[in-house]
Amino acid sequence: MTSNNPTIFIVDDEPLLSEMLTDYLLDQYADFNIKAFPTGEACLQSMDEKPDIVVLDYYLNSKEKDAANGIDILKEIKKRNKALPVIMLSSQKSYGTASKTIMYGAMHYVIKGQDAFEEIFQLIKANV
């Protein structure tokens, strides 16, 4: 890790998942500065805080029907900062969904499941 206190944005409309991922990452590396957002819009409003990496849920509008989905937020993040690493997180096991997120600039596509948190931590460690 190049930065001492990397800032990580977690964007997921499932508060429990955000909390569990935050706890897991802080257990691995206590100096992470983690901010969780329930919508992509809320994340975009805080982009001036210059996160080092973003963990972005693919399906963001299960709670707020008008919320933008992960692909739209990914496109907007990449428009603002092409170099910012974005890890897509999804329960979708579809290859088409994964390749679409990579095509739009996601660094990696992680499927929610048993090893997802460890995979995310390793990706963060390698990229900040």
C-alpha atoms as a PDB file:
ATOM      1  CA  MET A   1       0.000   0.000   0.000  1.00  0.00           C
ATOM      2  CA  THR A   2       1.408   3.351  -0.989  1.00  0.00           C
ATOM      3  CA  SER A   3      -0.925   5.564   1.027  1.00  0.00           C
ATOM      4  CA  ASN A   4      -0.819   5.411   4.853  1.00  0.00           C
ATOM      5  CA  ASN A   5      -4.524   6.058   5.367  1.00  0.00           C
ATOM      6  CA  PRO A   6      -6.249   5.076   2.121  1.00  0.00           C
ATOM      7  CA  THR A   7      -9.799   6.367   1.742  1.00  0.00           C
ATOM      8  CA  ILE A   8     -12.243   3.709   0.618  1.00  0.00           C
ATOM      9  CA  PHE A   9     -15.787   4.436  -0.473  1.00  0.00           C
ATOM     10  CA  ILE A  10     -18.271   1.576  -0.120  1.00  0.00           C
ATOM     11  CA  VAL A  11     -21.475   2.092  -2.081  1.00  0.00           C
ATOM     12  CA  ASP A  12     -24.205  -0.428  -1.306  1.00  0.00           C
ATOM     13  CA  ASP A  13     -27.903  -0.012  -0.539  1.00  0.00           C
ATOM     14  CA  GLU A  14     -27.705  -2.887   1.931  1.00  0.00           C
ATOM     15  CA  PRO A  15     -26.542  -1.261   5.229  1.00  0.00           C
ATOM     16  CA  LEU A  16     -25.685  -4.585   6.862  1.00  0.00           C
ATOM     17  CA  LEU A  17     -23.360  -5.567   4.022  1.00  0.00           C
ATOM     18  CA  SER A  18     -21.642  -2.161   4.091  1.00  0.00           C
ATOM     19  CA  GLU A  19     -21.158  -2.463   7.843  1.00  0.00           C
ATOM     20  CA  MET A  20     -19.815  -6.014   7.644  1.00  0.00           C
ATOM     21  CA  LEU A  21     -17.399  -5.103   4.836  1.00  0.00           C
ATOM     22  CA  THR A  22     -16.254  -1.996   6.747  1.00  0.00           C
ATOM     23  CA  ASP A  23     -15.620  -4.074   9.901  1.00  0.00           C
ATOM     24  CA  TYR A  24     -13.765  -6.731   7.922  1.00  0.00           C
ATOM     25  CA  LEU A  25     -11.507  -4.214   6.165  1.00  0.00           C
ATOM     26  CA  LEU A  26     -10.734  -2.357   9.406  1.00  0.00           C
ATOM     27  CA  ASP A  27      -9.848  -5.690  11.054  1.00  0.00           C
ATOM     28  CA  GLN A  28      -7.344  -6.266   8.243  1.00  0.00           C
ATOM     29  CA  TYR A  29      -5.912  -2.726   8.263  1.00  0.00           C
ATOM     30  CA  ALA A  30      -6.962  -0.311  10.996  1.00  0.00           C
ATOM     31  CA  ASP A  31      -5.747   2.807   9.157  1.00  0.00           C
ATOM     32  CA  PHE A  32      -8.285   2.637   6.358  1.00  0.00           C
ATOM     33  CA  ASN A  33     -10.543   5.678   6.165  1.00  0.00           C
ATOM     34  CA  ILE A  34     -13.849   4.106   5.118  1.00  0.00           C
ATOM     35  CA  LYS A  35     -17.034   5.912   4.144  1.00  0.00           C
ATOM     36  CA  ALA A  36     -20.190   4.009   3.266  1.00  0.00           C
ATOM     37  CA  PHE A  37     -22.954   5.376   1.055  1.00  0.00           C
ATOM     38  CA  PRO A  38     -26.476   3.970   0.549  1.00  0.00           C
ATOM     39  CA  THR A  39     -26.727   5.373  -3.008  1.00  0.00           C
ATOM     40  CA  GLY A  40     -24.387   6.135  -5.860  1.00  0.00           C
ATOM     41  CA  GLU A  41     -25.648   9.702  -5.873  1.00  0.00           C
ATOM     42  CA  ALA A  42     -24.465  10.175  -2.280  1.00  0.00           C
ATOM     43  CA  CYS A  43     -21.060   8.803  -3.265  1.00  0.00           C
ATOM     44  CA  LEU A  44     -20.811  11.170  -6.240  1.00  0.00           C
ATOM     45  CA  GLN A  45     -21.547  14.143  -3.968  1.00  0.00           C
ATOM     46  CA  SER A  46     -18.470  13.227  -1.903  1.00  0.00           C
ATOM     47  CA  MET A  47     -16.039  12.640  -4.772  1.00  0.00           C
ATOM     48  CA  ASP A  48     -14.182  15.837  -3.843  1.00  0.00           C
ATOM     49  CA  GLU A  49     -12.854  13.877  -0.843  1.00  0.00           C
ATOM     50  CA  LYS A  50     -10.712  12.035  -3.412  1.00  0.00           C
ATOM     51  CA  PRO A  51     -11.167   8.387  -2.445  1.00  0.00           C
ATOM     52  CA  ASP A  52      -8.308   6.010  -3.263  1.00  0.00           C
ATOM     53  CA  ILE A  53     -10.670   3.243  -4.301  1.00  0.00           C
ATOM     54  CA  VAL A  54     -14.425   2.656  -4.611  1.00  0.00           C
ATOM     55  CA  VAL A  55     -16.285  -0.593  -3.903  1.00  0.00           C
ATOM     56  CA  LEU A  56     -19.510  -0.240  -5.854  1.00  0.00           C
ATOM     57  CA  ASP A  57     -22.577  -2.482  -5.754  1.00  0.00           C
ATOM     58  CA  TYR A  58     -23.935  -3.346  -9.183  1.00  0.00           C
ATOM     59  CA  TYR A  59     -27.597  -3.324  -8.166  1.00  0.00           C
ATOM     60  CA  LEU A  60     -28.183  -0.119  -6.222  1.00  0.00           C
ATOM     61  CA  ASN A  61     -31.875   0.564  -6.608  1.00  0.00           C
ATOM     62  CA  SER A  62     -33.486  -2.149  -4.515  1.00  0.00           C
ATOM     63  CA  LYS A  63     -34.309   0.319  -1.714  1.00  0.00           C
ATOM     64  CA  GLU A  64     -34.747   3.615  -3.583  1.00  0.00           C
ATOM     65  CA  LYS A  65     -36.475   2.918  -6.865  1.00  0.00           C
ATOM     66  CA  ASP A  66     -35.206   6.104  -8.532  1.00  0.00           C
ATOM     67  CA  ALA A  67     -31.586   5.535  -7.521  1.00  0.00           C
ATOM     68  CA  ALA A  68     -29.104   5.118 -10.347  1.00  0.00           C
ATOM     69  CA  ASN A  69     -27.712   1.639 -10.843  1.00  0.00           C
ATOM     70  CA  GLY A  70     -24.062   0.675 -10.422  1.00  0.00           C
ATOM     71  CA  ILE A  71     -23.232   0.929 -14.129  1.00  0.00           C
ATOM     72  CA  ASP A  72     -24.498   4.534 -14.303  1.00  0.00           C
ATOM     73  CA  ILE A  73     -22.515   5.458 -11.192  1.00  0.00           C
ATOM     74  CA  LEU A  74     -19.426   3.674 -12.542  1.00  0.00           C
ATOM     75  CA  LYS A  75     -19.649   5.664 -15.789  1.00  0.00           C
ATOM     76  CA  GLU A  76     -19.973   8.931 -13.866  1.00  0.00           C
ATOM     77  CA  ILE A  77     -17.047   8.103 -11.544  1.00  0.00           C
ATOM     78  CA  LYS A  78     -14.879   7.274 -14.570  1.00  0.00           C
ATOM     79  CA  LYS A  79     -15.954  10.486 -16.293  1.00  0.00           C
ATOM     80  CA  ARG A  80     -14.745  12.471 -13.275  1.00  0.00           C
ATOM     81  CA  ASN A  81     -11.608  10.446 -12.546  1.00  0.00           C
ATOM     82  CA  LYS A  82     -10.522   7.876 -15.107  1.00  0.00           C
ATOM     83  CA  ALA A  83      -7.676   6.608 -12.917  1.00  0.00           C
ATOM     84  CA  LEU A  84      -9.762   5.898  -9.794  1.00  0.00           C
ATOM     85  CA  PRO A  85      -9.931   2.121  -9.201  1.00  0.00           C
ATOM     86  CA  VAL A  86     -13.498   0.816  -8.871  1.00  0.00           C
ATOM     87  CA  ILE A  87     -14.319  -2.693  -7.667  1.00  0.00           C
ATOM     88  CA  MET A  88     -17.804  -3.815  -8.679  1.00  0.00           C
ATOM     89  CA  LEU A  89     -19.599  -5.979  -6.153  1.00  0.00           C
ATOM     90  CA  SER A  90     -22.591  -8.015  -7.214  1.00  0.00           C
ATOM     91  CA  SER A  91     -24.627 -11.121  -6.589  1.00  0.00           C
ATOM     92  CA  GLN A  92     -24.991 -11.472 -10.375  1.00  0.00           C
ATOM     93  CA  LYS A  93     -22.979 -14.452 -11.569  1.00  0.00           C
ATOM     94  CA  SER A  94     -23.504 -13.514 -15.206  1.00  0.00           C
ATOM     95  CA  TYR A  95     -20.400 -13.238 -17.359  1.00  0.00           C
ATOM     96  CA  GLY A  96     -22.176 -10.607 -19.469  1.00  0.00           C
ATOM     97  CA  THR A  97     -22.760  -8.403 -16.425  1.00  0.00           C
ATOM     98  CA  ALA A  98     -19.145  -8.777 -15.305  1.00  0.00           C
ATOM     99  CA  SER A  99     -17.727  -7.981 -18.735  1.00  0.00           C
ATOM    100  CA  LYS A 100     -20.003  -4.949 -19.071  1.00  0.00           C
ATOM    101  CA  THR A 101     -18.676  -3.468 -15.827  1.00  0.00           C
ATOM    102  CA  ILE A 102     -15.072  -4.082 -16.933  1.00  0.00           C
ATOM    103  CA  MET A 103     -15.841  -2.499 -20.306  1.00  0.00           C
ATOM    104  CA  TYR A 104     -17.013   0.652 -18.512  1.00  0.00           C
ATOM    105  CA  GLY A 105     -13.841   0.851 -16.460  1.00  0.00           C
ATOM    106  CA  ALA A 106     -14.268  -1.316 -13.373  1.00  0.00           C
ATOM    107  CA  MET A 107     -10.954  -2.733 -12.233  1.00  0.00           C
ATOM    108  CA  HIS A 108     -12.484  -5.983 -11.008  1.00  0.00           C
ATOM    109  CA  TYR A 109     -15.832  -7.721 -10.563  1.00  0.00           C
ATOM    110  CA  VAL A 110     -16.396  -9.512  -7.248  1.00  0.00           C
ATOM    111  CA  ILE A 111     -19.344 -11.825  -6.731  1.00  0.00           C
ATOM    112  CA  LYS A 112     -20.921 -11.531  -3.276  1.00  0.00           C
ATOM    113  CA  GLY A 113     -20.258 -14.680  -1.322  1.00  0.00           C
ATOM    114  CA  GLN A 114     -18.010 -16.409   1.159  1.00  0.00           C
ATOM    115  CA  ASP A 115     -14.648 -15.069  -0.031  1.00  0.00           C
ATOM    116  CA  ALA A 116     -15.794 -11.694  -1.376  1.00  0.00           C
ATOM    117  CA  PHE A 117     -14.485  -9.599   1.531  1.00  0.00           C
ATOM    118  CA  GLU A 118     -11.024 -11.196   1.411  1.00  0.00           C
ATOM    119  CA  GLU A 119     -10.915 -10.742  -2.372  1.00  0.00           C
ATOM    120  CA  ILE A 120     -11.853  -7.062  -1.989  1.00  0.00           C
ATOM    121  CA  PHE A 121      -9.177  -6.577   0.682  1.00  0.00           C
ATOM    122  CA  GLN A 122      -6.495  -8.128  -1.556  1.00  0.00           C
ATOM    123  CA  LEU A 123      -7.555  -5.900  -4.463  1.00  0.00           C
ATOM    124  CA  ILE A 124      -7.458  -2.794  -2.268  1.00  0.00           C
ATOM    125  CA  LYS A 125      -4.058  -3.759  -0.873  1.00  0.00           C
ATOM    126  CA  ALA A 126      -2.675  -4.187  -4.380  1.00  0.00           C
ATOM    127  CA  ASN A 127      -4.108  -0.902  -5.682  1.00  0.00           C
ATOM    128  CA  VAL A 128      -3.701   1.783  -3.012  1.00  0.00           C
END
